[in-house]
Amino acid sequence: DGKQINTRDLYFETNYQPWNKIELQKDSTYRLV
């Protein structure tokens, strides 16, 4: 529809709780969607 979109200005949604702190060890991973 002729608009130029920069996603930095828009809000994403997620099921994760805000201010959740994740600490990762050397071989661990964390996936944020």
Full PDB file with SEQRES, HELIX, SHEET, SSBOND, CRYST1, ORIGX, SCALE, CONECT and MASTER records, all heavy atoms in Angstrom:
SEQRES   1 A   33  ASP GLY LYS GLN ILE ASN THR ARG ASP LEU TYR PHE GLU          
SEQRES   2 A   33  THR ASN TYR GLN PRO TRP ASN LYS ILE GLU LEU GLN LYS          
SEQRES   3 A   33  ASP SER THR TYR ARG LEU VAL                                  
HELIX    1 AA1 THR A    7  ASP A    9  5                                   3    
CRYST1    1.000    1.000    1.000  90.00  90.00  90.00 P 1           1          
ORIGX1      1.000000  0.000000  0.000000        0.00000                         
ORIGX2      0.000000  1.000000  0.000000        0.00000                         
ORIGX3      0.000000  0.000000  1.000000        0.00000                         
SCALE1      1.000000  0.000000  0.000000        0.00000                         
SCALE2      0.000000  1.000000  0.000000        0.00000                         
SCALE3      0.000000  0.000000  1.000000        0.00000                         
ATOM      1  N   ASP A   1       0.828  -1.209   0.000  1.00  0.00           N  
ATOM      2  CA  ASP A   1       0.000   0.000   0.000  1.00  0.00           C  
ATOM      3  C   ASP A   1       0.867   1.266   0.000  1.00  0.00           C  
ATOM      4  O   ASP A   1       0.403   2.356   0.331  1.00  0.00           O  
ATOM      5  CB  ASP A   1      -0.978  -0.001   1.180  1.00  0.00           C  
ATOM      6  CG  ASP A   1      -0.274   0.026   2.533  1.00  0.00           C  
ATOM      7  OD1 ASP A   1       0.924  -0.316   2.576  1.00  0.00           O  
ATOM      8  OD2 ASP A   1      -0.920   0.373   3.547  1.00  0.00           O  
ATOM      9  N   GLY A   2       2.153   1.120  -0.364  1.00  0.00           N  
ATOM     10  CA  GLY A   2       3.020   2.269  -0.597  1.00  0.00           C  
ATOM     11  C   GLY A   2       3.658   2.872   0.625  1.00  0.00           C  
ATOM     12  O   GLY A   2       4.123   4.016   0.567  1.00  0.00           O  
ATOM     13  N   LYS A   3       3.763   2.142   1.728  1.00  0.00           N  
ATOM     14  CA  LYS A   3       4.386   2.656   2.940  1.00  0.00           C  
ATOM     15  C   LYS A   3       5.779   2.054   3.123  1.00  0.00           C  
ATOM     16  O   LYS A   3       6.055   0.943   2.667  1.00  0.00           O  
ATOM     17  CB  LYS A   3       3.514   2.353   4.172  1.00  0.00           C  
ATOM     18  CG  LYS A   3       2.089   2.847   4.060  1.00  0.00           C  
ATOM     19  CD  LYS A   3       2.019   4.352   3.809  1.00  0.00           C  
ATOM     20  CE  LYS A   3       0.579   4.813   3.640  1.00  0.00           C  
ATOM     21  NZ  LYS A   3       0.499   6.255   3.309  1.00  0.00           N  
ATOM     22  N   GLN A   4       6.623   2.834   3.789  1.00  0.00           N  
ATOM     23  CA  GLN A   4       7.964   2.369   4.116  1.00  0.00           C  
ATOM     24  C   GLN A   4       8.009   2.081   5.615  1.00  0.00           C  
ATOM     25  O   GLN A   4       7.851   2.984   6.427  1.00  0.00           O  
ATOM     26  CB  GLN A   4       9.001   3.419   3.728  1.00  0.00           C  
ATOM     27  CG  GLN A   4       9.007   3.706   2.230  1.00  0.00           C  
ATOM     28  CD  GLN A   4       9.897   4.875   1.859  1.00  0.00           C  
ATOM     29  OE1 GLN A   4      10.423   5.559   2.736  1.00  0.00           O  
ATOM     30  NE2 GLN A   4      10.062   5.106   0.570  1.00  0.00           N  
ATOM     31  N   ILE A   5       8.244   0.826   5.959  1.00  0.00           N  
ATOM     32  CA  ILE A   5       8.124   0.380   7.335  1.00  0.00           C  
ATOM     33  C   ILE A   5       9.500   0.091   7.925  1.00  0.00           C  
ATOM     34  O   ILE A   5      10.297  -0.639   7.339  1.00  0.00           O  
ATOM     35  CB  ILE A   5       7.255  -0.898   7.434  1.00  0.00           C  
ATOM     36  CG1 ILE A   5       5.873  -0.653   6.818  1.00  0.00           C  
ATOM     37  CG2 ILE A   5       7.130  -1.357   8.882  1.00  0.00           C  
ATOM     38  CD1 ILE A   5       5.064   0.427   7.480  1.00  0.00           C  
ATOM     39  N   ASN A   6       9.756   0.694   9.087  1.00  0.00           N  
ATOM     40  CA  ASN A   6      10.918   0.338   9.889  1.00  0.00           C  
ATOM     41  C   ASN A   6      10.374  -0.310  11.164  1.00  0.00           C  
ATOM     42  O   ASN A   6       9.685   0.349  11.959  1.00  0.00           O  
ATOM     43  CB  ASN A   6      11.732   1.586  10.241  1.00  0.00           C  
ATOM     44  CG  ASN A   6      13.051   1.241  10.915  1.00  0.00           C  
ATOM     45  OD1 ASN A   6      13.179   0.203  11.551  1.00  0.00           O  
ATOM     46  ND2 ASN A   6      14.034   2.118  10.783  1.00  0.00           N  
ATOM     47  N   THR A   7      10.681  -1.570  11.367  1.00  0.00           N  
ATOM     48  CA  THR A   7      10.081  -2.289  12.494  1.00  0.00           C  
ATOM     49  C   THR A   7      10.566  -1.785  13.848  1.00  0.00           C  
ATOM     50  O   THR A   7       9.989  -2.157  14.879  1.00  0.00           O  
ATOM     51  CB  THR A   7      10.361  -3.797  12.391  1.00  0.00           C  
ATOM     52  OG1 THR A   7      11.786  -4.023  12.409  1.00  0.00           O  
ATOM     53  CG2 THR A   7       9.780  -4.377  11.113  1.00  0.00           C  
ATOM     54  N   ARG A   8      11.592  -0.931  13.886  1.00  0.00           N  
ATOM     55  CA  ARG A   8      12.078  -0.410  15.163  1.00  0.00           C  
ATOM     56  C   ARG A   8      11.014   0.445  15.859  1.00  0.00           C  
ATOM     57  O   ARG A   8      11.080   0.678  17.060  1.00  0.00           O  
ATOM     58  CB  ARG A   8      13.371   0.383  14.979  1.00  0.00           C  
ATOM     59  CG  ARG A   8      13.227   1.705  14.277  1.00  0.00           C  
ATOM     60  CD  ARG A   8      14.560   2.461  14.181  1.00  0.00           C  
ATOM     61  NE  ARG A   8      15.041   2.823  15.505  1.00  0.00           N  
ATOM     62  CZ  ARG A   8      16.144   2.343  16.053  1.00  0.00           C  
ATOM     63  NH1 ARG A   8      16.884   1.468  15.394  1.00  0.00           N  
ATOM     64  NH2 ARG A   8      16.507   2.720  17.267  1.00  0.00           N  
ATOM     65  N   ASP A   9      10.045   0.923  15.106  1.00  0.00           N  
ATOM     66  CA  ASP A   9       9.016   1.791  15.673  1.00  0.00           C  
ATOM     67  C   ASP A   9       7.757   1.027  16.081  1.00  0.00           C  
ATOM     68  O   ASP A   9       6.803   1.639  16.582  1.00  0.00           O  
ATOM     69  CB  ASP A   9       8.635   2.875  14.659  1.00  0.00           C  
ATOM     70  CG  ASP A   9       9.831   3.709  14.229  1.00  0.00           C  
ATOM     71  OD1 ASP A   9      10.644   4.046  15.112  1.00  0.00           O  
ATOM     72  OD2 ASP A   9       9.954   4.005  13.028  1.00  0.00           O  
ATOM     73  N   LEU A  10       7.713  -0.275  15.859  1.00  0.00           N  
ATOM     74  CA  LEU A  10       6.505  -1.057  16.088  1.00  0.00           C  
ATOM     75  C   LEU A  10       6.692  -2.026  17.250  1.00  0.00           C  
ATOM     76  O   LEU A  10       7.822  -2.401  17.583  1.00  0.00           O  
ATOM     77  CB  LEU A  10       6.129  -1.822  14.809  1.00  0.00           C  
ATOM     78  CG  LEU A  10       5.924  -0.944  13.564  1.00  0.00           C  
ATOM     79  CD1 LEU A  10       5.695  -1.819  12.340  1.00  0.00           C  
ATOM     80  CD2 LEU A  10       4.758   0.028  13.769  1.00  0.00           C  
ATOM     81  N   TYR A  11       5.608  -2.452  17.834  1.00  0.00           N  
ATOM     82  CA  TYR A  11       5.647  -3.338  18.991  1.00  0.00           C  
ATOM     83  C   TYR A  11       5.462  -4.796  18.584  1.00  0.00           C  
ATOM     84  O   TYR A  11       4.504  -5.146  17.887  1.00  0.00           O  
ATOM     85  CB  TYR A  11       4.569  -2.940  20.003  1.00  0.00           C  
ATOM     86  CG  TYR A  11       4.922  -1.713  20.797  1.00  0.00           C  
ATOM     87  CD1 TYR A  11       4.641  -0.442  20.295  1.00  0.00           C  
ATOM     88  CD2 TYR A  11       5.544  -1.816  22.033  1.00  0.00           C  
ATOM     89  CE1 TYR A  11       4.972   0.710  21.026  1.00  0.00           C  
ATOM     90  CE2 TYR A  11       5.871  -0.678  22.774  1.00  0.00           C  
ATOM     91  CZ  TYR A  11       5.586   0.571  22.254  1.00  0.00           C  
ATOM     92  OH  TYR A  11       5.922   1.701  22.975  1.00  0.00           O  
ATOM     93  N   PHE A  12       6.406  -5.613  19.036  1.00  0.00           N  
ATOM     94  CA  PHE A  12       6.311  -7.058  18.850  1.00  0.00           C  
ATOM     95  C   PHE A  12       5.572  -7.666  20.051  1.00  0.00           C  
ATOM     96  O   PHE A  12       5.507  -7.065  21.123  1.00  0.00           O  
ATOM     97  CB  PHE A  12       7.706  -7.676  18.752  1.00  0.00           C  
ATOM     98  CG  PHE A  12       8.401  -7.423  17.435  1.00  0.00           C  
ATOM     99  CD1 PHE A  12       8.815  -6.132  17.075  1.00  0.00           C  
ATOM    100  CD2 PHE A  12       8.662  -8.469  16.561  1.00  0.00           C  
ATOM    101  CE1 PHE A  12       9.459  -5.904  15.876  1.00  0.00           C  
ATOM    102  CE2 PHE A  12       9.318  -8.245  15.356  1.00  0.00           C  
ATOM    103  CZ  PHE A  12       9.713  -6.965  15.016  1.00  0.00           C  
ATOM    104  N   GLU A  13       5.057  -8.854  19.857  1.00  0.00           N  
ATOM    105  CA  GLU A  13       4.381  -9.569  20.934  1.00  0.00           C  
ATOM    106  C   GLU A  13       5.175 -10.809  21.313  1.00  0.00           C  
ATOM    107  O   GLU A  13       5.901 -11.381  20.480  1.00  0.00           O  
ATOM    108  CB  GLU A  13       2.962  -9.979  20.495  1.00  0.00           C  
ATOM    109  CG  GLU A  13       2.056  -8.799  20.201  1.00  0.00           C  
ATOM    110  CD  GLU A  13       0.666  -9.239  19.768  1.00  0.00           C  
ATOM    111  OE1 GLU A  13       0.438 -10.472  19.659  1.00  0.00           O  
ATOM    112  OE2 GLU A  13      -0.188  -8.357  19.530  1.00  0.00           O  
ATOM    113  N   THR A  14       5.044 -11.222  22.569  1.00  0.00           N  
ATOM    114  CA  THR A  14       5.704 -12.434  23.042  1.00  0.00           C  
ATOM    115  C   THR A  14       4.983 -12.954  24.272  1.00  0.00           C  
ATOM    116  O   THR A  14       4.303 -12.188  24.984  1.00  0.00           O  
ATOM    117  CB  THR A  14       7.183 -12.157  23.375  1.00  0.00           C  
ATOM    118  OG1 THR A  14       7.812 -13.376  23.771  1.00  0.00           O  
ATOM    119  CG2 THR A  14       7.314 -11.139  24.493  1.00  0.00           C  
ATOM    120  N   ASN A  15       5.128 -14.236  24.533  1.00  0.00           N  
ATOM    121  CA  ASN A  15       4.507 -14.846  25.708  1.00  0.00           C  
ATOM    122  C   ASN A  15       5.414 -14.805  26.932  1.00  0.00           C  
ATOM    123  O   ASN A  15       5.007 -15.211  28.019  1.00  0.00           O  
ATOM    124  CB  ASN A  15       4.132 -16.305  25.412  1.00  0.00           C  
ATOM    125  CG  ASN A  15       3.033 -16.392  24.358  1.00  0.00           C  
ATOM    126  OD1 ASN A  15       2.158 -15.528  24.308  1.00  0.00           O  
ATOM    127  ND2 ASN A  15       3.088 -17.413  23.520  1.00  0.00           N  
ATOM    128  N   TYR A  16       6.658 -14.318  26.754  1.00  0.00           N  
ATOM    129  CA  TYR A  16       7.600 -14.284  27.866  1.00  0.00           C  
ATOM    130  C   TYR A  16       7.237 -13.159  28.836  1.00  0.00           C  
ATOM    131  O   TYR A  16       6.668 -12.139  28.448  1.00  0.00           O  
ATOM    132  CB  TYR A  16       9.021 -14.093  27.357  1.00  0.00           C  
ATOM    133  CG  TYR A  16       9.505 -15.201  26.460  1.00  0.00           C  
ATOM    134  CD1 TYR A  16       9.236 -15.188  25.089  1.00  0.00           C  
ATOM    135  CD2 TYR A  16      10.224 -16.267  26.981  1.00  0.00           C  
ATOM    136  CE1 TYR A  16       9.673 -16.203  24.265  1.00  0.00           C  
ATOM    137  CE2 TYR A  16      10.672 -17.292  26.158  1.00  0.00           C  
ATOM    138  CZ  TYR A  16      10.390 -17.248  24.807  1.00  0.00           C  
ATOM    139  OH  TYR A  16      10.823 -18.265  23.996  1.00  0.00           O  
ATOM    140  N   GLN A  17       7.579 -13.344  30.092  1.00  0.00           N  
ATOM    141  CA  GLN A  17       7.317 -12.340  31.110  1.00  0.00           C  
ATOM    142  C   GLN A  17       8.367 -11.226  31.041  1.00  0.00           C  
ATOM    143  O   GLN A  17       9.541 -11.496  30.818  1.00  0.00           O  
ATOM    144  CB  GLN A  17       7.335 -12.975  32.510  1.00  0.00           C  
ATOM    145  CG  GLN A  17       6.210 -13.968  32.739  1.00  0.00           C  
ATOM    146  CD  GLN A  17       4.839 -13.325  32.583  1.00  0.00           C  
ATOM    147  OE1 GLN A  17       4.583 -12.248  33.129  1.00  0.00           O  
ATOM    148  NE2 GLN A  17       3.959 -13.973  31.823  1.00  0.00           N  
ATOM    149  N   PRO A  18       7.945  -9.971  31.242  1.00  0.00           N  
ATOM    150  CA  PRO A  18       8.916  -8.862  31.160  1.00  0.00           C  
ATOM    151  C   PRO A  18       9.929  -8.911  32.294  1.00  0.00           C  
ATOM    152  O   PRO A  18       9.655  -9.424  33.378  1.00  0.00           O  
ATOM    153  CB  PRO A  18       8.020  -7.616  31.265  1.00  0.00           C  
ATOM    154  CG  PRO A  18       6.785  -8.077  31.961  1.00  0.00           C  
ATOM    155  CD  PRO A  18       6.576  -9.494  31.519  1.00  0.00           C  
ATOM    156  N   TRP A  19      11.110  -8.328  32.011  1.00  0.00           N  
ATOM    157  CA  TRP A  19      12.228  -8.257  32.942  1.00  0.00           C  
ATOM    158  C   TRP A  19      12.656  -9.641  33.439  1.00  0.00           C  
ATOM    159  O   TRP A  19      13.172  -9.793  34.544  1.00  0.00           O  
ATOM    160  CB  TRP A  19      11.924  -7.338  34.129  1.00  0.00           C  
ATOM    161  CG  TRP A  19      11.844  -5.917  33.701  1.00  0.00           C  
ATOM    162  CD1 TRP A  19      10.721  -5.136  33.631  1.00  0.00           C  
ATOM    163  CD2 TRP A  19      12.914  -5.100  33.214  1.00  0.00           C  
ATOM    164  NE1 TRP A  19      11.025  -3.887  33.151  1.00  0.00           N  
ATOM    165  CE2 TRP A  19      12.366  -3.826  32.891  1.00  0.00           C  
ATOM    166  CE3 TRP A  19      14.285  -5.308  33.019  1.00  0.00           C  
ATOM    167  CZ2 TRP A  19      13.123  -2.784  32.389  1.00  0.00           C  
ATOM    168  CZ3 TRP A  19      15.047  -4.254  32.523  1.00  0.00           C  
ATOM    169  CH2 TRP A  19      14.479  -3.018  32.209  1.00  0.00           C  
ATOM    170  N   ASN A  20      12.428 -10.615  32.601  1.00  0.00           N  
ATOM    171  CA  ASN A  20      12.908 -11.965  32.908  1.00  0.00           C  
ATOM    172  C   ASN A  20      14.413 -12.002  32.655  1.00  0.00           C  
ATOM    173  O   ASN A  20      14.883 -11.595  31.602  1.00  0.00           O  
ATOM    174  CB  ASN A  20      12.193 -12.978  32.020  1.00  0.00           C  
ATOM    175  CG  ASN A  20      12.490 -14.405  32.415  1.00  0.00           C  
ATOM    176  OD1 ASN A  20      12.914 -14.672  33.542  1.00  0.00           O  
ATOM    177  ND2 ASN A  20      12.273 -15.329  31.500  1.00  0.00           N  
ATOM    178  N   LYS A  21      15.187 -12.459  33.623  1.00  0.00           N  
ATOM    179  CA  LYS A  21      16.637 -12.519  33.490  1.00  0.00           C  
ATOM    180  C   LYS A  21      17.083 -13.962  33.278  1.00  0.00           C  
ATOM    181  O   LYS A  21      16.740 -14.840  34.062  1.00  0.00           O  
ATOM    182  CB  LYS A  21      17.332 -11.939  34.727  1.00  0.00           C  
ATOM    183  CG  LYS A  21      18.849 -11.899  34.611  1.00  0.00           C  
ATOM    184  CD  LYS A  21      19.486 -11.236  35.821  1.00  0.00           C  
ATOM    185  CE  LYS A  21      21.007 -11.207  35.685  1.00  0.00           C  
ATOM    186  NZ  LYS A  21      21.658 -10.558  36.843  1.00  0.00           N  
ATOM    187  N   ILE A  22      17.833 -14.170  32.208  1.00  0.00           N  
ATOM    188  CA  ILE A  22      18.305 -15.509  31.866  1.00  0.00           C  
ATOM    189  C   ILE A  22      19.827 -15.518  31.955  1.00  0.00           C  
ATOM    190  O   ILE A  22      20.498 -14.679  31.329  1.00  0.00           O  
ATOM    191  CB  ILE A  22      17.858 -15.905  30.442  1.00  0.00           C  
ATOM    192  CG1 ILE A  22      16.329 -15.893  30.351  1.00  0.00           C  
ATOM    193  CG2 ILE A  22      18.403 -17.279  30.077  1.00  0.00           C  
ATOM    194  CD1 ILE A  22      15.760 -14.615  29.805  1.00  0.00           C  
ATOM    195  N   GLU A  23      20.371 -16.425  32.704  1.00  0.00           N  
ATOM    196  CA  GLU A  23      21.817 -16.583  32.818  1.00  0.00           C  
ATOM    197  C   GLU A  23      22.232 -17.873  32.120  1.00  0.00           C  
ATOM    198  O   GLU A  23      21.712 -18.948  32.432  1.00  0.00           O  
ATOM    199  CB  GLU A  23      22.241 -16.604  34.292  1.00  0.00           C  
ATOM    200  CG  GLU A  23      21.988 -15.288  35.006  1.00  0.00           C  
ATOM    201  CD  GLU A  23      22.510 -15.290  36.433  1.00  0.00           C  
ATOM    202  OE1 GLU A  23      23.111 -16.312  36.832  1.00  0.00           O  
ATOM    203  OE2 GLU A  23      22.313 -14.284  37.139  1.00  0.00           O  
ATOM    204  N   LEU A  24      23.172 -17.756  31.186  1.00  0.00           N  
ATOM    205  CA  LEU A  24      23.590 -18.893  30.374  1.00  0.00           C  
ATOM    206  C   LEU A  24      25.005 -19.322  30.721  1.00  0.00           C  
ATOM    207  O   LEU A  24      25.904 -18.487  30.843  1.00  0.00           O  
ATOM    208  CB  LEU A  24      23.528 -18.540  28.882  1.00  0.00           C  
ATOM    209  CG  LEU A  24      22.151 -18.146  28.329  1.00  0.00           C  
ATOM    210  CD1 LEU A  24      22.267 -17.801  26.853  1.00  0.00           C  
ATOM    211  CD2 LEU A  24      21.140 -19.265  28.530  1.00  0.00           C  
ATOM    212  N   GLN A  25      25.192 -20.615  30.871  1.00  0.00           N  
ATOM    213  CA  GLN A  25      26.522 -21.179  31.029  1.00  0.00           C  
ATOM    214  C   GLN A  25      27.137 -21.380  29.652  1.00  0.00           C  
ATOM    215  O   GLN A  25      26.501 -21.124  28.615  1.00  0.00           O  
ATOM    216  CB  GLN A  25      26.451 -22.493  31.808  1.00  0.00           C  
ATOM    217  CG  GLN A  25      25.808 -22.359  33.177  1.00  0.00           C  
ATOM    218  CD  GLN A  25      26.517 -21.339  34.061  1.00  0.00           C  
ATOM    219  OE1 GLN A  25      27.744 -21.315  34.107  1.00  0.00           O  
ATOM    220  NE2 GLN A  25      25.752 -20.511  34.760  1.00  0.00           N  
ATOM    221  N   LYS A  26      28.349 -21.897  29.610  1.00  0.00           N  
ATOM    222  CA  LYS A  26      29.109 -21.958  28.361  1.00  0.00           C  
ATOM    223  C   LYS A  26      28.400 -22.738  27.268  1.00  0.00           C  
ATOM    224  O   LYS A  26      28.378 -22.321  26.107  1.00  0.00           O  
ATOM    225  CB  LYS A  26      30.490 -22.566  28.620  1.00  0.00           C  
ATOM    226  CG  LYS A  26      31.391 -22.553  27.393  1.00  0.00           C  
ATOM    227  CD  LYS A  26      32.788 -23.032  27.718  1.00  0.00           C  
ATOM    228  CE  LYS A  26      33.687 -22.947  26.486  1.00  0.00           C  
ATOM    229  NZ  LYS A  26      35.071 -23.408  26.758  1.00  0.00           N  
ATOM    230  N   ASP A  27      27.807 -23.870  27.586  1.00  0.00           N  
ATOM    231  CA  ASP A  27      27.219 -24.730  26.563  1.00  0.00           C  
ATOM    232  C   ASP A  27      25.698 -24.624  26.486  1.00  0.00           C  
ATOM    233  O   ASP A  27      25.060 -25.411  25.796  1.00  0.00           O  
ATOM    234  CB  ASP A  27      27.608 -26.198  26.817  1.00  0.00           C  
ATOM    235  CG  ASP A  27      29.114 -26.403  26.736  1.00  0.00           C  
ATOM    236  OD1 ASP A  27      29.749 -25.750  25.889  1.00  0.00           O  
ATOM    237  OD2 ASP A  27      29.650 -27.193  27.534  1.00  0.00           O  
ATOM    238  N   SER A  28      25.098 -23.677  27.181  1.00  0.00           N  
ATOM    239  CA  SER A  28      23.636 -23.573  27.192  1.00  0.00           C  
ATOM    240  C   SER A  28      23.156 -22.527  26.188  1.00  0.00           C  
ATOM    241  O   SER A  28      23.909 -21.640  25.762  1.00  0.00           O  
ATOM    242  CB  SER A  28      23.144 -23.238  28.598  1.00  0.00           C  
ATOM    243  OG  SER A  28      23.737 -22.033  29.059  1.00  0.00           O  
ATOM    244  N   THR A  29      21.870 -22.621  25.807  1.00  0.00           N  
ATOM    245  CA  THR A  29      21.272 -21.695  24.851  1.00  0.00           C  
ATOM    246  C   THR A  29      19.925 -21.207  25.379  1.00  0.00           C  
ATOM    247  O   THR A  29      19.328 -21.812  26.266  1.00  0.00           O  
ATOM    248  CB  THR A  29      21.066 -22.356  23.478  1.00  0.00           C  
ATOM    249  OG1 THR A  29      20.158 -23.469  23.630  1.00  0.00           O  
ATOM    250  CG2 THR A  29      22.378 -22.859  22.906  1.00  0.00           C  
ATOM    251  N   TYR A  30      19.462 -20.100  24.806  1.00  0.00           N  
ATOM    252  CA  TYR A  30      18.151 -19.569  25.165  1.00  0.00           C  
ATOM    253  C   TYR A  30      17.509 -19.015  23.902  1.00  0.00           C  
ATOM    254  O   TYR A  30      18.138 -18.272  23.141  1.00  0.00           O  
ATOM    255  CB  TYR A  30      18.263 -18.473  26.226  1.00  0.00           C  
ATOM    256  CG  TYR A  30      16.928 -17.902  26.634  1.00  0.00           C  
ATOM    257  CD1 TYR A  30      16.098 -18.603  27.497  1.00  0.00           C  
ATOM    258  CD2 TYR A  30      16.516 -16.666  26.149  1.00  0.00           C  
ATOM    259  CE1 TYR A  30      14.865 -18.078  27.876  1.00  0.00           C  
ATOM    260  CE2 TYR A  30      15.283 -16.131  26.528  1.00  0.00           C  
ATOM    261  CZ  TYR A  30      14.464 -16.851  27.387  1.00  0.00           C  
ATOM    262  OH  TYR A  30      13.247 -16.338  27.760  1.00  0.00           O  
ATOM    263  N   ARG A  31      16.249 -19.354  23.684  1.00  0.00           N  
ATOM    264  CA  ARG A  31      15.529 -18.981  22.466  1.00  0.00           C  
ATOM    265  C   ARG A  31      14.419 -18.000  22.809  1.00  0.00           C  
ATOM    266  O   ARG A  31      13.511 -18.310  23.580  1.00  0.00           O  
ATOM    267  CB  ARG A  31      14.957 -20.252  21.830  1.00  0.00           C  
ATOM    268  CG  ARG A  31      14.370 -20.090  20.445  1.00  0.00           C  
ATOM    269  CD  ARG A  31      14.071 -21.482  19.899  1.00  0.00           C  
ATOM    270  NE  ARG A  31      13.516 -21.436  18.559  1.00  0.00           N  
ATOM    271  CZ  ARG A  31      12.220 -21.464  18.278  1.00  0.00           C  
ATOM    272  NH1 ARG A  31      11.344 -21.541  19.285  1.00  0.00           N  
ATOM    273  NH2 ARG A  31      11.782 -21.430  17.038  1.00  0.00           N  
ATOM    274  N   LEU A  32      14.511 -16.800  22.239  1.00  0.00           N  
ATOM    275  CA  LEU A  32      13.526 -15.755  22.476  1.00  0.00           C  
ATOM    276  C   LEU A  32      12.753 -15.506  21.181  1.00  0.00           C  
ATOM    277  O   LEU A  32      13.347 -15.182  20.149  1.00  0.00           O  
ATOM    278  CB  LEU A  32      14.222 -14.465  22.932  1.00  0.00           C  
ATOM    279  CG  LEU A  32      13.337 -13.245  23.210  1.00  0.00           C  
ATOM    280  CD1 LEU A  32      12.338 -13.530  24.320  1.00  0.00           C  
ATOM    281  CD2 LEU A  32      14.199 -12.040  23.560  1.00  0.00           C  
ATOM    282  N   VAL A  33      11.430 -15.666  21.240  1.00  0.00           N  
ATOM    283  CA  VAL A  33      10.587 -15.537  20.046  1.00  0.00           C  
ATOM    284  C   VAL A  33       9.753 -14.267  20.159  1.00  0.00           C  
ATOM    285  O   VAL A  33       9.009 -14.073  21.131  1.00  0.00           O  
ATOM    286  CB  VAL A  33       9.662 -16.757  19.880  1.00  0.00           C  
ATOM    287  CG1 VAL A  33       8.809 -16.604  18.615  1.00  0.00           C  
ATOM    288  CG2 VAL A  33      10.480 -18.039  19.823  1.00  0.00           C  
TER     289      VAL A  33                                                      
MASTER        0    0    0    1    0    0    0    6  288    1    0    3          
END                                                                             
